[in-house]
C-alpha atoms as a PDB file:
ATOM      1  CA  UNK A   1      35.845  39.240 -23.969  1.00  0.00           C
ATOM      2  CA  UNK A   2      34.966  38.078 -27.471  1.00  0.00           C
ATOM      3  CA  UNK A   3      32.595  38.565 -30.564  1.00  0.00           C
ATOM      4  CA  UNK A   4      28.959  38.177 -29.835  1.00  0.00           C
ATOM      5  CA  UNK A   5      28.152  36.735 -33.157  1.00  0.00           C
ATOM      6  CA  UNK A   6      30.459  34.875 -35.869  1.00  0.00           C
ATOM      7  CA  UNK A   7      32.352  36.861 -38.555  1.00  0.00           C
ATOM      8  CA  UNK A   8      34.430  36.359 -41.420  1.00  0.00           C
ATOM      9  CA  UNK A   9      36.724  39.376 -42.649  1.00  0.00           C
ATOM     10  CA  UNK A  10      37.104  39.722 -46.020  1.00  0.00           C
ATOM     11  CA  UNK A  11      38.703  42.560 -48.626  1.00  0.00           C
ATOM     12  CA  UNK A  12      35.897  44.065 -50.643  1.00  0.00           C
ATOM     13  CA  UNK A  13      36.434  46.146 -53.455  1.00  0.00           C
ATOM     14  CA  UNK A  14      40.133  46.878 -51.560  1.00  0.00           C
ATOM     15  CA  UNK A  15      38.658  47.478 -47.975  1.00  0.00           C
ATOM     16  CA  UNK A  16      38.536  45.452 -45.273  1.00  0.00           C
ATOM     17  CA  UNK A  17      35.132  44.332 -44.238  1.00  0.00           C
ATOM     18  CA  UNK A  18      34.092  42.558 -41.368  1.00  0.00           C
ATOM     19  CA  UNK A  19      30.607  40.258 -42.108  1.00  0.00           C
ATOM     20  CA  UNK A  20      28.317  38.424 -40.005  1.00  0.00           C
ATOM     21  CA  UNK A  21      27.416  34.637 -40.618  1.00  0.00           C
ATOM     22  CA  UNK A  22      25.954  31.980 -39.378  1.00  0.00           C
ATOM     23  CA  UNK A  23      22.831  32.366 -37.134  1.00  0.00           C
ATOM     24  CA  UNK A  24      22.668  35.506 -35.382  1.00  0.00           C
ATOM     25  CA  UNK A  25      18.934  35.411 -35.147  1.00  0.00           C
ATOM     26  CA  UNK A  26      19.039  38.531 -37.382  1.00  0.00           C
ATOM     27  CA  UNK A  27      20.341  40.862 -34.490  1.00  0.00           C
ATOM     28  CA  UNK A  28      23.241  42.095 -36.571  1.00  0.00           C
ATOM     29  CA  UNK A  29      23.043  42.546 -40.255  1.00  0.00           C
ATOM     30  CA  UNK A  30      25.360  44.314 -42.510  1.00  0.00           C
ATOM     31  CA  UNK A  31      29.193  44.845 -42.152  1.00  0.00           C
ATOM     32  CA  UNK A  32      32.009  46.646 -40.479  1.00  0.00           C
ATOM     33  CA  UNK A  33      34.673  48.423 -42.011  1.00  0.00           C
ATOM     34  CA  UNK A  34      38.176  47.783 -40.559  1.00  0.00           C
ATOM     35  CA  UNK A  35      41.661  49.246 -41.207  1.00  0.00           C
ATOM     36  CA  UNK A  36      45.006  46.838 -41.033  1.00  0.00           C
ATOM     37  CA  UNK A  37      45.049  47.443 -37.216  1.00  0.00           C
ATOM     38  CA  UNK A  38      41.057  46.862 -36.528  1.00  0.00           C
ATOM     39  CA  UNK A  39      41.145  43.901 -38.434  1.00  0.00           C
ATOM     40  CA  UNK A  40      44.150  42.387 -36.403  1.00  0.00           C
ATOM     41  CA  UNK A  41      41.937  43.005 -33.186  1.00  0.00           C
ATOM     42  CA  UNK A  42      38.825  41.839 -34.354  1.00  0.00           C
ATOM     43  CA  UNK A  43      40.114  38.266 -35.392  1.00  0.00           C
ATOM     44  CA  UNK A  44      41.796  38.109 -31.731  1.00  0.00           C
ATOM     45  CA  UNK A  45      38.204  38.626 -30.655  1.00  0.00           C
ATOM     46  CA  UNK A  46      37.158  35.808 -32.460  1.00  0.00           C
ATOM     47  CA  UNK A  47      38.049  33.788 -29.410  1.00  0.00           C
ATOM     48  CA  UNK A  48      37.572  34.924 -25.310  1.00  0.00           C
ATOM     49  CA  UNK A  49      40.884  37.253 -24.467  1.00  0.00           C
ATOM     50  CA  UNK A  50      42.215  40.014 -22.708  1.00  0.00           C
ATOM     51  CA  UNK A  51      42.619  43.634 -23.604  1.00  0.00           C
ATOM     52  CA  UNK A  52      45.946  42.877 -22.268  1.00  0.00           C
ATOM     53  CA  UNK A  53      46.720  40.101 -24.397  1.00  0.00           C
ATOM     54  CA  UNK A  54      45.418  41.961 -27.145  1.00  0.00           C
ATOM     55  CA  UNK A  55      48.022  44.834 -26.841  1.00  0.00           C
ATOM     56  CA  UNK A  56      50.721  42.654 -26.123  1.00  0.00           C
ATOM     57  CA  UNK A  57      49.951  41.288 -29.668  1.00  0.00           C
ATOM     58  CA  UNK A  58      49.559  44.010 -31.793  1.00  0.00           C
ATOM     59  CA  UNK A  59      53.012  45.666 -29.973  1.00  0.00           C
ATOM     60  CA  UNK A  60      54.699  41.949 -31.090  1.00  0.00           C
ATOM     61  CA  UNK A  61      52.939  42.090 -34.526  1.00  0.00           C
ATOM     62  CA  UNK A  62      53.996  46.055 -34.922  1.00  0.00           C
ATOM     63  CA  UNK A  63      57.289  46.758 -33.516  1.00  0.00           C
ATOM     64  CA  UNK A  64      57.175  50.152 -33.926  1.00  0.00           C
ATOM     65  CA  UNK A  65      54.031  50.721 -32.262  1.00  0.00           C
ATOM     66  CA  UNK A  66      54.122  51.939 -28.518  1.00  0.00           C
ATOM     67  CA  UNK A  67      52.497  50.094 -25.816  1.00  0.00           C
ATOM     68  CA  UNK A  68      50.032  53.533 -25.289  1.00  0.00           C
ATOM     69  CA  UNK A  69      49.434  53.863 -29.368  1.00  0.00           C
ATOM     70  CA  UNK A  70      48.199  50.051 -29.370  1.00  0.00           C
ATOM     71  CA  UNK A  71      46.085  50.890 -25.458  1.00  0.00           C
ATOM     72  CA  UNK A  72      44.559  53.488 -27.739  1.00  0.00           C
ATOM     73  CA  UNK A  73      43.739  51.640 -30.744  1.00  0.00           C
ATOM     74  CA  UNK A  74      42.264  48.656 -28.961  1.00  0.00           C
ATOM     75  CA  UNK A  75      40.067  50.726 -26.369  1.00  0.00           C
ATOM     76  CA  UNK A  76      38.608  52.298 -29.452  1.00  0.00           C
ATOM     77  CA  UNK A  77      37.671  49.370 -31.110  1.00  0.00           C
ATOM     78  CA  UNK A  78      36.461  47.730 -27.933  1.00  0.00           C
ATOM     79  CA  UNK A  79      33.907  50.924 -27.249  1.00  0.00           C
ATOM     80  CA  UNK A  80      32.404  50.442 -30.677  1.00  0.00           C
ATOM     81  CA  UNK A  81      31.948  47.162 -30.631  1.00  0.00           C
ATOM     82  CA  UNK A  82      30.520  47.459 -27.005  1.00  0.00           C
ATOM     83  CA  UNK A  83      28.160  50.375 -28.128  1.00  0.00           C
ATOM     84  CA  UNK A  84      26.803  48.084 -30.785  1.00  0.00           C
ATOM     85  CA  UNK A  85      26.444  45.085 -28.500  1.00  0.00           C
ATOM     86  CA  UNK A  86      28.656  42.902 -30.431  1.00  0.00           C
ATOM     87  CA  UNK A  87      30.771  41.603 -27.400  1.00  0.00           C
ATOM     88  CA  UNK A  88      30.343  39.518 -24.650  1.00  0.00           C
END
C-alpha cells in the first residue's frame, strides 16, 4: 500500500502537516495534521510498503515502543487514510 497522491510534510506554526502537491486532479485539497509517529508512518507510505514493514520500522525507530503500540498506531492511521480514500 502507498499514498494515492504526492504529499510534502512541513512544520507550520509548530504543527506537523502533510500537504498534497502536484497533480491530484483536485481530488484532495487541504492538509493532514500529524503527530511525530503519524509523520513517520506517512513518510513510509510515500513508497509501496506493508503494514508489517511499517510496524518493524517504528519499533526500530522508537525502541521504547512495543510491537502492540506500534501496530495500534499504524492501524489507526491506515484506517483514517483509507476512509479518506488516500491509499492505493
